[in-house]
Every structure is written in structure tokens, then in C-alpha cells.
Protein backbone atom coordinates (compact mmCIF):
# COMPACT_ATOMS: atom_id res chain seq x y z
CA UNK A 1 0.08 0.02 0.05
CA UNK A 2 1.41 3.38 -0.89
CA UNK A 3 1.56 6.30 1.39
CA UNK A 4 -1.11 8.07 -0.50
CA UNK A 5 -3.42 5.08 -0.40
CA UNK A 6 -2.94 4.82 3.36
CA UNK A 7 -3.90 8.45 3.70
CA UNK A 8 -7.04 7.95 1.52
CA UNK A 9 -8.10 5.12 3.78
CA UNK A 10 -7.51 6.89 7.06
CA UNK A 11 -10.66 7.44 9.01
CA UNK A 12 -11.49 10.22 11.45
CA UNK A 13 -11.65 7.81 14.42
CA UNK A 14 -8.05 6.48 13.53
CA UNK A 15 -6.84 9.96 13.22
CA UNK A 16 -8.27 10.81 16.67
CA UNK A 17 -6.49 7.77 18.20
CA UNK A 18 -3.18 8.86 16.56
CA UNK A 19 -3.53 12.35 18.02
CA UNK A 20 -4.15 10.88 21.41
CA UNK A 21 -1.21 8.43 21.10
CA UNK A 22 1.08 11.30 20.09
CA UNK A 23 -0.21 13.40 22.94
CA UNK A 24 -1.69 16.20 20.69
CA UNK A 25 -4.61 17.84 22.55
CA UNK A 26 -6.76 20.01 20.29
CA UNK A 27 -10.55 20.52 20.16
CA UNK A 28 -12.86 18.38 18.16
CA UNK A 29 -13.41 21.06 15.52
CA UNK A 30 -9.64 21.41 14.84
CA UNK A 31 -9.26 17.65 14.73
CA UNK A 32 -11.92 17.48 11.96
CA UNK A 33 -10.44 20.51 10.11
CA UNK A 34 -6.91 19.12 10.14
CA UNK A 35 -8.16 15.67 9.18
CA UNK A 36 -9.96 17.11 6.15
CA UNK A 37 -7.01 19.01 5.14
CA UNK A 38 -4.83 15.84 5.23
CA UNK A 39 -7.37 13.91 3.30
CA UNK A 40 -7.75 16.63 0.69
CA UNK A 41 -4.00 17.39 0.30
CA UNK A 42 -2.35 13.95 0.44
CA UNK A 43 0.01 15.10 -2.36
CA UNK A 44 1.61 17.70 0.02
CA UNK A 45 2.05 15.07 2.62
CA UNK A 46 3.51 12.49 0.26
CA UNK A 47 5.94 15.02 -1.40
CA UNK A 48 8.41 16.59 1.12
CA UNK A 49 8.99 19.68 -0.96
CA UNK A 50 5.26 20.65 -0.48
CA UNK A 51 4.94 19.85 3.18
CA UNK A 52 5.51 23.47 4.10
CA UNK A 53 2.03 24.18 2.83
CA UNK A 54 0.62 21.71 5.29
CA UNK A 55 2.78 22.98 8.06
CA UNK A 56 1.73 26.65 7.42
CA UNK A 57 -1.93 25.73 7.51
CA UNK A 58 -1.74 23.75 10.71
CA UNK A 59 0.30 26.57 12.32
CA UNK A 60 -2.39 29.03 11.45
CA UNK A 61 -4.97 26.83 13.17
CA UNK A 62 -2.97 25.93 16.19
CA UNK A 63 0.39 26.86 17.66
CA UNK A 64 3.96 26.25 16.63
CA UNK A 65 4.40 23.46 19.20
CA UNK A 66 1.20 21.74 18.25
CA UNK A 67 2.04 22.05 14.60
CA UNK A 68 5.41 20.50 15.08
CA UNK A 69 3.80 17.60 17.04
CA UNK A 70 1.28 16.99 14.14
CA UNK A 71 4.04 17.18 11.52
CA UNK A 72 6.07 14.61 13.66
CA UNK A 73 3.00 12.36 13.68
CA UNK A 74 2.53 12.56 9.92
CA UNK A 75 6.21 11.96 9.17
CA UNK A 76 6.52 9.09 11.50
CA UNK A 77 3.19 7.40 11.01
CA UNK A 78 3.35 7.45 7.26
CA UNK A 79 7.07 7.18 6.64
CA UNK A 80 7.36 3.38 7.05
CA UNK A 81 4.92 3.02 4.25
CA UNK A 82 7.43 4.31 1.75
CA UNK A 83 9.39 1.09 2.26
CA UNK A 84 6.42 -1.21 1.48
């Protein structure tokens, strides 16, 4: 399964579990907003040179610290899929 396929199959409940596992505490509205952004912009997550777009968007919604935690989650959760 490619990284992009994995992102397309990600469900909101799984995403919320990941946020909890990575100790990311944001309100429900932001969880849904960021989830939709990830689902709608998988290209930017798959291609490192566009990841700054995702980072800037998340930073505007949250804080620098929370943004870095979410980016860490995205990089570490989806990175192993590149080797599949």
C-alpha cells in the first residue's frame, strides 16, 4: 500500500486515536479540520517539498508547538509506508 493510499483510507476515528497516542490535545473542530486538510491534500504530505504548505496551514490553526507535533505524527506514522 502506498503512502497516498494509506492516507485515503484513514478514518477520522483512527486519526483521533493517533492524535491521542502522540499526545496532541486540540478541540474536536480542529481535529476534523486538520483531518480534512490531510485527506484533501495527500500530495503535499507524500511530497516533502510541499509539506511546508501543510505546516503553514496547521500553524495558523494551532500553535507552533502543536504544529510540530502533528508534523512529527505525519512523518513518523506514514514514513514506514514508503518502504512497502
